[in-house]
Protein backbone atom coordinates (compact mmCIF):
# COMPACT_ATOMS: atom_id res chain seq x y z
CA MET A 1 24.91 101.42 169.25
CA PHE A 2 24.31 103.50 172.36
CA CYS A 3 24.51 100.32 174.45
CA ALA A 4 27.99 99.66 173.10
CA PHE A 5 29.05 103.21 174.05
CA ASN A 6 27.92 102.70 177.62
CA ASN A 7 29.44 99.23 177.89
CA SER A 8 32.80 100.50 176.64
CA ARG A 9 32.67 103.48 178.99
CA VAL A 10 32.03 101.30 182.04
CA ALA A 11 34.54 98.61 181.04
CA ASN A 12 37.40 100.97 180.14
CA GLY A 13 36.65 103.99 182.29
CA ARG A 14 36.70 106.38 179.33
CA ARG A 15 34.50 107.31 176.42
CA ALA A 16 35.17 105.82 173.00
CA THR A 17 32.07 107.13 171.26
CA GLY A 18 33.89 108.31 168.14
CA LEU A 19 35.80 105.07 167.73
CA ILE A 20 32.72 102.90 168.17
CA PHE A 21 30.62 105.06 165.84
CA SER A 22 33.30 105.03 163.13
CA ALA A 23 33.68 101.25 163.44
CA GLY A 24 29.91 100.89 163.03
CA THR A 25 29.89 103.17 159.99
CA THR A 26 32.81 101.30 158.44
CA SER A 27 31.10 97.95 158.95
CA GLN A 28 27.93 99.29 157.29
CA LYS A 29 29.88 100.54 154.27
CA LEU A 30 31.72 97.24 154.02
CA GLY A 31 28.40 95.38 154.19
CA TRP A 32 26.90 97.51 151.42
CA THR A 33 29.96 96.94 149.26
CA LEU A 34 30.13 93.19 149.81
CA GLY A 35 26.35 92.77 149.52
CA GLY A 36 26.16 94.62 146.22
CA SER A 37 29.11 92.82 144.70
CA ALA A 38 27.85 89.44 145.98
CA ALA A 39 24.51 90.05 144.27
CA GLY A 40 26.31 90.82 141.01
CA PHE A 41 28.51 87.74 141.29
CA MET A 42 25.51 85.55 142.09
CA LEU A 43 23.60 86.88 139.08
CA GLY A 44 26.63 86.07 136.94
CA PHE A 45 26.83 82.61 138.49
CA TYR A 46 23.23 81.91 137.51
CA GLY A 47 23.89 83.11 133.93
CA PHE A 48 22.07 86.44 133.99
CA GLU A 49 22.54 88.58 130.87
CA ALA A 50 21.06 92.07 130.71
CA ASN A 51 18.41 92.87 128.07
CA MET A 52 18.05 89.22 127.08
CA GLU A 53 15.39 86.60 127.66
CA GLN A 54 16.53 84.62 130.70
CA ALA A 55 16.96 80.85 130.79
CA PRO A 56 14.87 78.84 133.30
CA ASP A 57 17.96 78.22 135.48
CA THR A 58 18.63 81.95 135.54
CA LEU A 59 15.03 82.67 136.56
CA ASN A 60 15.34 80.07 139.34
CA GLY A 61 18.53 81.80 140.50
CA ILE A 62 16.80 85.18 140.54
CA VAL A 63 13.95 83.73 142.60
CA LEU A 64 16.49 82.30 145.06
CA LEU A 65 18.29 85.66 145.26
CA MET A 66 15.01 87.42 146.03
CA SER A 67 13.60 84.94 148.56
CA ILE A 68 15.44 81.94 150.00
CA ILE A 69 18.97 83.37 150.23
CA PRO A 70 17.94 86.63 152.01
CA ALA A 71 15.68 84.63 154.34
CA CYS A 72 18.60 82.36 155.29
CA ILE A 73 20.79 85.40 155.95
CA ALA A 74 18.02 86.96 158.09
CA PHE A 75 17.67 83.78 160.17
CA LEU A 76 21.45 83.62 160.59
CA THR A 77 21.46 87.24 161.76
CA ALA A 78 18.63 86.54 164.22
CA PHE A 79 20.56 83.56 165.56
CA VAL A 80 23.71 85.63 166.06
CA THR A 81 21.78 88.32 167.95
CA LEU A 82 20.77 85.70 170.52
CA PHE A 83 24.35 85.97 171.79
CA TYR A 84 24.21 89.78 172.19
CA LYS A 85 24.75 90.21 175.90
CA ILE A 86 23.40 93.71 176.49
CA ASP A 87 19.73 93.52 177.43
CA TYR A 88 17.42 96.08 179.07
CA LYS A 89 18.52 95.15 182.60
CA MET A 90 22.22 95.41 181.76
CA GLU A 91 21.64 98.73 179.97
CA LYS A 92 20.02 100.19 183.10
CA GLU A 93 22.93 98.92 185.23
CA LEU A 94 25.40 100.56 182.84
CA GLU A 95 23.52 103.86 183.01
CA GLU A 96 23.49 103.75 186.82
CA THR A 97 27.22 102.98 186.94
CA ILE A 98 28.00 105.85 184.57
CA SER A 99 25.85 108.26 186.61
CA ARG A 100 27.49 107.15 189.85
CA ASN A 101 31.01 107.46 188.37
CA SER A 102 30.21 110.89 186.92
CA ALA A 103 28.91 112.10 190.28
CA GLU A 104 32.04 110.82 192.06
CA ARG A 105 34.30 112.58 189.55
CA ALA A 106 32.31 115.79 189.93
CA GLU A 107 32.83 115.69 193.71
CA LYS A 108 36.57 115.19 193.32
CA LYS A 109 37.10 117.80 190.60
CA PRO A 110 34.50 120.55 190.73
CA CYS A 111 34.28 122.59 187.56
CA ILE A 112 34.76 126.28 188.29
CA VAL A 113 33.51 128.68 185.63
CA LYS A 114 34.52 132.30 185.84
């Protein structure tokens, strides 16, 4: 997430650390909520009933929920991250730009502490 902070700071000329961090936290909470409820809905779809012997179709569904479906989601996530534009080189460029801009601001407005 630190890369996003730096990218936003360079692109907009101001820090948005709190906004970016809260957006990240909100997306995590939303993911946990949707993931948990999706698992419950999928178990219901496959006919799961608590404290009962499960039908073969239900057992197949549970196997899918514990193996194939998460693997597909992981591959989809890996594919999406291929389009993430901030790499090591860009991160170093962002850090240099921020350092240079901070030094220029410090020269213009020296901080005087009494």
